[in-house]
Amino acid sequence: MILVVCANPALDRLLVLPELCLDGVNRTSQVEETVAGKGINVARALRTMGFKSYLYLLLGGDNGKKMVNGLTQ
């Protein structure tokens, strides 16, 4: 068992553009949010390799709720 402490969790946003217009207005067709951060990525990698790990992090507010939902998926 490995304990992973994530002091700096993050929500990464991926903006999908149908096309990139130089010197014009670009509008996204889709926005995806994923849970990330070094500690979270390490815990994911350990799980993929078959190790059991526990992830410890501080969460709060609306972003904390999004992180919990993203981690449980």
PDB file of N, CA and C in Angstrom:
ATOM      1  N   MET A   1       0.844  -1.170   0.000  1.00  0.00           N
ATOM      2  CA  MET A   1       0.000   0.000   0.000  1.00  0.00           C
ATOM      3  C   MET A   1       0.895   1.240   0.000  1.00  0.00           C
ATOM      4  N   ILE A   2       0.554   2.188  -0.847  1.00  0.00           N
ATOM      5  CA  ILE A   2       1.312   3.426  -0.983  1.00  0.00           C
ATOM      6  C   ILE A   2       0.383   4.596  -0.693  1.00  0.00           C
ATOM      7  N   LEU A   3       0.824   5.504   0.157  1.00  0.00           N
ATOM      8  CA  LEU A   3       0.064   6.710   0.467  1.00  0.00           C
ATOM      9  C   LEU A   3       0.549   7.839  -0.432  1.00  0.00           C
ATOM     10  N   VAL A   4      -0.374   8.500  -1.120  1.00  0.00           N
ATOM     11  CA  VAL A   4      -0.037   9.605  -2.019  1.00  0.00           C
ATOM     12  C   VAL A   4      -0.708  10.860  -1.487  1.00  0.00           C
ATOM     13  N   VAL A   5       0.097  11.891  -1.213  1.00  0.00           N
ATOM     14  CA  VAL A   5      -0.425  13.171  -0.741  1.00  0.00           C
ATOM     15  C   VAL A   5      -0.376  14.157  -1.898  1.00  0.00           C
ATOM     16  N   CYS A   6      -1.532  14.709  -2.233  1.00  0.00           N
ATOM     17  CA  CYS A   6      -1.622  15.668  -3.330  1.00  0.00           C
ATOM     18  C   CYS A   6      -1.934  17.040  -2.745  1.00  0.00           C
ATOM     19  N   ALA A   7      -0.922  17.880  -2.665  1.00  0.00           N
ATOM     20  CA  ALA A   7      -1.094  19.207  -2.081  1.00  0.00           C
ATOM     21  C   ALA A   7      -1.684  20.204  -3.070  1.00  0.00           C
ATOM     22  N   ASN A   8      -1.656  19.871  -4.357  1.00  0.00           N
ATOM     23  CA  ASN A   8      -2.084  20.837  -5.356  1.00  0.00           C
ATOM     24  C   ASN A   8      -2.926  20.161  -6.448  1.00  0.00           C
ATOM     25  N   PRO A   9      -4.162  19.730  -6.117  1.00  0.00           N
ATOM     26  CA  PRO A   9      -5.007  19.130  -7.150  1.00  0.00           C
ATOM     27  C   PRO A   9      -5.461  20.187  -8.153  1.00  0.00           C
ATOM     28  N   ALA A  10      -5.787  19.752  -9.349  1.00  0.00           N
ATOM     29  CA  ALA A  10      -6.166  20.713 -10.393  1.00  0.00           C
ATOM     30  C   ALA A  10      -7.296  20.148 -11.250  1.00  0.00           C
ATOM     31  N   LEU A  11      -8.057  21.065 -11.830  1.00  0.00           N
ATOM     32  CA  LEU A  11      -9.043  20.721 -12.842  1.00  0.00           C
ATOM     33  C   LEU A  11      -8.501  21.214 -14.181  1.00  0.00           C
ATOM     34  N   ASP A  12      -8.225  20.287 -15.086  1.00  0.00           N
ATOM     35  CA  ASP A  12      -7.735  20.658 -16.416  1.00  0.00           C
ATOM     36  C   ASP A  12      -8.918  20.820 -17.354  1.00  0.00           C
ATOM     37  N   ARG A  13      -8.876  21.874 -18.147  1.00  0.00           N
ATOM     38  CA  ARG A  13      -9.935  22.113 -19.128  1.00  0.00           C
ATOM     39  C   ARG A  13      -9.376  21.924 -20.527  1.00  0.00           C
ATOM     40  N   LEU A  14     -10.113  21.161 -21.313  1.00  0.00           N
ATOM     41  CA  LEU A  14      -9.776  20.952 -22.716  1.00  0.00           C
ATOM     42  C   LEU A  14     -10.841  21.648 -23.548  1.00  0.00           C
ATOM     43  N   LEU A  15     -10.429  22.616 -24.342  1.00  0.00           N
ATOM     44  CA  LEU A  15     -11.339  23.349 -25.208  1.00  0.00           C
ATOM     45  C   LEU A  15     -11.205  22.802 -26.627  1.00  0.00           C
ATOM     46  N   VAL A  16     -12.311  22.340 -27.186  1.00  0.00           N
ATOM     47  CA  VAL A  16     -12.310  21.764 -28.523  1.00  0.00           C
ATOM     48  C   VAL A  16     -12.825  22.820 -29.499  1.00  0.00           C
ATOM     49  N   LEU A  17     -12.002  23.126 -30.499  1.00  0.00           N
ATOM     50  CA  LEU A  17     -12.372  24.094 -31.529  1.00  0.00           C
ATOM     51  C   LEU A  17     -12.647  23.363 -32.836  1.00  0.00           C
ATOM     52  N   PRO A  18     -13.755  23.674 -33.513  1.00  0.00           N
ATOM     53  CA  PRO A  18     -13.993  23.039 -34.815  1.00  0.00           C
ATOM     54  C   PRO A  18     -12.955  23.478 -35.845  1.00  0.00           C
ATOM     55  N   GLU A  19     -12.511  24.721 -35.744  1.00  0.00           N
ATOM     56  CA  GLU A  19     -11.438  25.231 -36.606  1.00  0.00           C
ATOM     57  C   GLU A  19     -10.779  26.406 -35.899  1.00  0.00           C
ATOM     58  N   LEU A  20      -9.539  26.671 -36.254  1.00  0.00           N
ATOM     59  CA  LEU A  20      -8.794  27.772 -35.662  1.00  0.00           C
ATOM     60  C   LEU A  20      -8.723  28.913 -36.669  1.00  0.00           C
ATOM     61  N   CYS A  21      -9.318  30.041 -36.311  1.00  0.00           N
ATOM     62  CA  CYS A  21      -9.337  31.210 -37.189  1.00  0.00           C
ATOM     63  C   CYS A  21      -8.318  32.233 -36.687  1.00  0.00           C
ATOM     64  N   LEU A  22      -7.284  32.467 -37.463  1.00  0.00           N
ATOM     65  CA  LEU A  22      -6.311  33.488 -37.101  1.00  0.00           C
ATOM     66  C   LEU A  22      -6.909  34.867 -37.366  1.00  0.00           C
ATOM     67  N   ASP A  23      -6.665  35.795 -36.455  1.00  0.00           N
ATOM     68  CA  ASP A  23      -7.196  37.155 -36.545  1.00  0.00           C
ATOM     69  C   ASP A  23      -8.720  37.173 -36.602  1.00  0.00           C
ATOM     70  N   GLY A  24      -9.351  36.223 -35.934  1.00  0.00           N
ATOM     71  CA  GLY A  24     -10.809  36.160 -35.917  1.00  0.00           C
ATOM     72  C   GLY A  24     -11.296  35.658 -34.572  1.00  0.00           C
ATOM     73  N   VAL A  25     -12.566  35.435 -34.465  1.00  0.00           N
ATOM     74  CA  VAL A  25     -13.174  34.932 -33.236  1.00  0.00           C
ATOM     75  C   VAL A  25     -13.206  33.415 -33.281  1.00  0.00           C
ATOM     76  N   ASN A  26     -12.732  32.785 -32.210  1.00  0.00           N
ATOM     77  CA  ASN A  26     -12.750  31.332 -32.094  1.00  0.00           C
ATOM     78  C   ASN A  26     -13.749  30.943 -31.007  1.00  0.00           C
ATOM     79  N   ARG A  27     -14.651  30.065 -31.332  1.00  0.00           N
ATOM     80  CA  ARG A  27     -15.645  29.594 -30.382  1.00  0.00           C
ATOM     81  C   ARG A  27     -15.480  28.088 -30.186  1.00  0.00           C
ATOM     82  N   THR A  28     -15.607  27.678 -28.940  1.00  0.00           N
ATOM     83  CA  THR A  28     -15.453  26.256 -28.645  1.00  0.00           C
ATOM     84  C   THR A  28     -16.736  25.502 -28.954  1.00  0.00           C
ATOM     85  N   SER A  29     -16.578  24.275 -29.389  1.00  0.00           N
ATOM     86  CA  SER A  29     -17.737  23.423 -29.618  1.00  0.00           C
ATOM     87  C   SER A  29     -17.961  22.494 -28.433  1.00  0.00           C
ATOM     88  N   GLN A  30     -16.922  22.323 -27.616  1.00  0.00           N
ATOM     89  CA  GLN A  30     -17.009  21.391 -26.497  1.00  0.00           C
ATOM     90  C   GLN A  30     -15.963  21.762 -25.456  1.00  0.00           C
ATOM     91  N   VAL A  31     -16.310  21.635 -24.176  1.00  0.00           N
ATOM     92  CA  VAL A  31     -15.379  21.865 -23.072  1.00  0.00           C
ATOM     93  C   VAL A  31     -15.402  20.629 -22.184  1.00  0.00           C
ATOM     94  N   GLU A  32     -14.224  20.061 -21.927  1.00  0.00           N
ATOM     95  CA  GLU A  32     -14.110  18.882 -21.070  1.00  0.00           C
ATOM     96  C   GLU A  32     -13.226  19.226 -19.880  1.00  0.00           C
ATOM     97  N   GLU A  33     -13.662  18.848 -18.679  1.00  0.00           N
ATOM     98  CA  GLU A  33     -12.862  19.049 -17.474  1.00  0.00           C
ATOM     99  C   GLU A  33     -12.422  17.693 -16.953  1.00  0.00           C
ATOM    100  N   THR A  34     -11.141  17.577 -16.658  1.00  0.00           N
ATOM    101  CA  THR A  34     -10.605  16.349 -16.082  1.00  0.00           C
ATOM    102  C   THR A  34      -9.854  16.691 -14.806  1.00  0.00           C
ATOM    103  N   VAL A  35      -9.851  15.747 -13.886  1.00  0.00           N
ATOM    104  CA  VAL A  35      -9.140  15.909 -12.627  1.00  0.00           C
ATOM    105  C   VAL A  35      -7.679  15.568 -12.866  1.00  0.00           C
ATOM    106  N   ALA A  36      -6.793  16.429 -12.372  1.00  0.00           N
ATOM    107  CA  ALA A  36      -5.364  16.207 -12.599  1.00  0.00           C
ATOM    108  C   ALA A  36      -4.559  16.755 -11.426  1.00  0.00           C
ATOM    109  N   GLY A  37      -3.280  16.804 -11.602  1.00  0.00           N
ATOM    110  CA  GLY A  37      -2.335  17.216 -10.573  1.00  0.00           C
ATOM    111  C   GLY A  37      -1.322  16.096 -10.403  1.00  0.00           C
ATOM    112  N   LYS A  38      -0.127  16.431  -9.974  1.00  0.00           N
ATOM    113  CA  LYS A  38       0.933  15.424  -9.894  1.00  0.00           C
ATOM    114  C   LYS A  38       0.564  14.244  -9.010  1.00  0.00           C
ATOM    115  N   GLY A  39       0.023  14.523  -7.832  1.00  0.00           N
ATOM    116  CA  GLY A  39      -0.332  13.436  -6.918  1.00  0.00           C
ATOM    117  C   GLY A  39      -1.429  12.551  -7.476  1.00  0.00           C
ATOM    118  N   ILE A  40      -2.426  13.154  -8.106  1.00  0.00           N
ATOM    119  CA  ILE A  40      -3.520  12.389  -8.685  1.00  0.00           C
ATOM    120  C   ILE A  40      -3.010  11.526  -9.838  1.00  0.00           C
ATOM    121  N   ASN A  41      -2.135  12.087 -10.657  1.00  0.00           N
ATOM    122  CA  ASN A  41      -1.562  11.321 -11.773  1.00  0.00           C
ATOM    123  C   ASN A  41      -0.713  10.156 -11.269  1.00  0.00           C
ATOM    124  N   VAL A  42       0.020  10.367 -10.168  1.00  0.00           N
ATOM    125  CA  VAL A  42       0.824   9.282  -9.581  1.00  0.00           C
ATOM    126  C   VAL A  42      -0.086   8.177  -9.073  1.00  0.00           C
ATOM    127  N   ALA A  43      -1.175   8.548  -8.381  1.00  0.00           N
ATOM    128  CA  ALA A  43      -2.107   7.540  -7.867  1.00  0.00           C
ATOM    129  C   ALA A  43      -2.742   6.752  -9.007  1.00  0.00           C
ATOM    130  N   ARG A  44      -3.071   7.429 -10.102  1.00  0.00           N
ATOM    131  CA  ARG A  44      -3.634   6.735 -11.280  1.00  0.00           C
ATOM    132  C   ARG A  44      -2.622   5.761 -11.870  1.00  0.00           C
ATOM    133  N   ALA A  45      -1.377   6.206 -11.983  1.00  0.00           N
ATOM    134  CA  ALA A  45      -0.339   5.337 -12.553  1.00  0.00           C
ATOM    135  C   ALA A  45      -0.111   4.115 -11.671  1.00  0.00           C
ATOM    136  N   LEU A  46      -0.107   4.309 -10.348  1.00  0.00           N
ATOM    137  CA  LEU A  46       0.075   3.176  -9.440  1.00  0.00           C
ATOM    138  C   LEU A  46      -1.070   2.176  -9.584  1.00  0.00           C
ATOM    139  N   ARG A  47      -2.282   2.693  -9.688  1.00  0.00           N
ATOM    140  CA  ARG A  47      -3.443   1.810  -9.840  1.00  0.00           C
ATOM    141  C   ARG A  47      -3.367   1.035 -11.159  1.00  0.00           C
ATOM    142  N   THR A  48      -2.933   1.715 -12.226  1.00  0.00           N
ATOM    143  CA  THR A  48      -2.794   1.059 -13.522  1.00  0.00           C
ATOM    144  C   THR A  48      -1.768  -0.071 -13.461  1.00  0.00           C
ATOM    145  N   MET A  49      -0.695   0.142 -12.667  1.00  0.00           N
ATOM    146  CA  MET A  49       0.350  -0.882 -12.545  1.00  0.00           C
ATOM    147  C   MET A  49      -0.019  -1.984 -11.564  1.00  0.00           C
ATOM    148  N   GLY A  50      -1.197  -1.872 -10.917  1.00  0.00           N
ATOM    149  CA  GLY A  50      -1.652  -2.933 -10.043  1.00  0.00           C
ATOM    150  C   GLY A  50      -1.330  -2.735  -8.574  1.00  0.00           C
ATOM    151  N   PHE A  51      -0.779  -1.590  -8.195  1.00  0.00           N
ATOM    152  CA  PHE A  51      -0.488  -1.304  -6.794  1.00  0.00           C
ATOM    153  C   PHE A  51      -1.711  -0.708  -6.113  1.00  0.00           C
ATOM    154  N   LYS A  52      -1.840  -0.972  -4.825  1.00  0.00           N
ATOM    155  CA  LYS A  52      -2.914  -0.371  -4.047  1.00  0.00           C
ATOM    156  C   LYS A  52      -2.388   0.927  -3.457  1.00  0.00           C
ATOM    157  N   SER A  53      -3.131   2.023  -3.650  1.00  0.00           N
ATOM    158  CA  SER A  53      -2.685   3.324  -3.132  1.00  0.00           C
ATOM    159  C   SER A  53      -3.872   4.080  -2.566  1.00  0.00           C
ATOM    160  N   TYR A  54      -3.574   4.937  -1.611  1.00  0.00           N
ATOM    161  CA  TYR A  54      -4.564   5.828  -1.025  1.00  0.00           C
ATOM    162  C   TYR A  54      -4.162   7.263  -1.340  1.00  0.00           C
ATOM    163  N   LEU A  55      -5.125   8.035  -1.793  1.00  0.00           N
ATOM    164  CA  LEU A  55      -4.880   9.417  -2.193  1.00  0.00           C
ATOM    165  C   LEU A  55      -5.449  10.350  -1.130  1.00  0.00           C
ATOM    166  N   TYR A  56      -4.607  11.241  -0.619  1.00  0.00           N
ATOM    167  CA  TYR A  56      -5.020  12.229   0.379  1.00  0.00           C
ATOM    168  C   TYR A  56      -4.898  13.622  -0.227  1.00  0.00           C
ATOM    169  N   LEU A  57      -5.996  14.380  -0.186  1.00  0.00           N
ATOM    170  CA  LEU A  57      -5.981  15.739  -0.694  1.00  0.00           C
ATOM    171  C   LEU A  57      -7.077  16.542  -0.003  1.00  0.00           C
ATOM    172  N   LEU A  58      -6.915  17.857  -0.013  1.00  0.00           N
ATOM    173  CA  LEU A  58      -7.897  18.763   0.577  1.00  0.00           C
ATOM    174  C   LEU A  58      -8.770  19.320  -0.530  1.00  0.00           C
ATOM    175  N   LEU A  59     -10.088  19.229  -0.334  1.00  0.00           N
ATOM    176  CA  LEU A  59     -11.027  19.709  -1.340  1.00  0.00           C
ATOM    177  C   LEU A  59     -12.088  20.571  -0.665  1.00  0.00           C
ATOM    178  N   GLY A  60     -12.598  21.544  -1.402  1.00  0.00           N
ATOM    179  CA  GLY A  60     -13.664  22.374  -0.865  1.00  0.00           C
ATOM    180  C   GLY A  60     -14.385  23.120  -1.967  1.00  0.00           C
ATOM    181  N   GLY A  61     -15.602  23.520  -1.691  1.00  0.00           N
ATOM    182  CA  GLY A  61     -16.368  24.331  -2.627  1.00  0.00           C
ATOM    183  C   GLY A  61     -16.854  23.559  -3.834  1.00  0.00           C
ATOM    184  N   ASP A  62     -17.253  24.308  -4.852  1.00  0.00           N
ATOM    185  CA  ASP A  62     -17.771  23.697  -6.084  1.00  0.00           C
ATOM    186  C   ASP A  62     -16.701  22.904  -6.816  1.00  0.00           C
ATOM    187  N   ASN A  63     -15.477  23.440  -6.842  1.00  0.00           N
ATOM    188  CA  ASN A  63     -14.390  22.704  -7.502  1.00  0.00           C
ATOM    189  C   ASN A  63     -14.094  21.398  -6.775  1.00  0.00           C
ATOM    190  N   GLY A  64     -14.222  21.409  -5.466  1.00  0.00           N
ATOM    191  CA  GLY A  64     -14.032  20.180  -4.698  1.00  0.00           C
ATOM    192  C   GLY A  64     -15.058  19.131  -5.058  1.00  0.00           C
ATOM    193  N   LYS A  65     -16.310  19.549  -5.257  1.00  0.00           N
ATOM    194  CA  LYS A  65     -17.362  18.611  -5.662  1.00  0.00           C
ATOM    195  C   LYS A  65     -17.078  18.047  -7.051  1.00  0.00           C
ATOM    196  N   LYS A  66     -16.595  18.902  -7.960  1.00  0.00           N
ATOM    197  CA  LYS A  66     -16.237  18.429  -9.299  1.00  0.00           C
ATOM    198  C   LYS A  66     -15.094  17.420  -9.222  1.00  0.00           C
ATOM    199  N   MET A  67     -14.136  17.679  -8.326  1.00  0.00           N
ATOM    200  CA  MET A  67     -12.990  16.767  -8.186  1.00  0.00           C
ATOM    201  C   MET A  67     -13.453  15.416  -7.653  1.00  0.00           C
ATOM    202  N   VAL A  68     -14.341  15.420  -6.662  1.00  0.00           N
ATOM    203  CA  VAL A  68     -14.841  14.168  -6.104  1.00  0.00           C
ATOM    204  C   VAL A  68     -15.580  13.375  -7.177  1.00  0.00           C
ATOM    205  N   ASN A  69     -16.422  14.056  -7.954  1.00  0.00           N
ATOM    206  CA  ASN A  69     -17.138  13.367  -9.041  1.00  0.00           C
ATOM    207  C   ASN A  69     -16.174  12.799 -10.066  1.00  0.00           C
ATOM    208  N   GLY A  70     -15.146  13.570 -10.419  1.00  0.00           N
ATOM    209  CA  GLY A  70     -14.170  13.102 -11.402  1.00  0.00           C
ATOM    210  C   GLY A  70     -13.348  11.937 -10.888  1.00  0.00           C
ATOM    211  N   LEU A  71     -13.014  11.945  -9.601  1.00  0.00           N
ATOM    212  CA  LEU A  71     -12.204  10.857  -9.035  1.00  0.00           C
ATOM    213  C   LEU A  71     -13.009   9.566  -8.868  1.00  0.00           C
ATOM    214  N   THR A  72     -14.306   9.688  -8.625  1.00  0.00           N
ATOM    215  CA  THR A  72     -15.098   8.473  -8.450  1.00  0.00           C
ATOM    216  C   THR A  72     -15.404   7.791  -9.778  1.00  0.00           C
ATOM    217  N   GLN A  73     -15.270   8.501 -10.884  1.00  0.00           N
ATOM    218  CA  GLN A  73     -15.505   7.886 -12.196  1.00  0.00           C
ATOM    219  C   GLN A  73     -14.341   7.104 -12.603  1.00  0.00           C
TER     220      GLN A  73
END
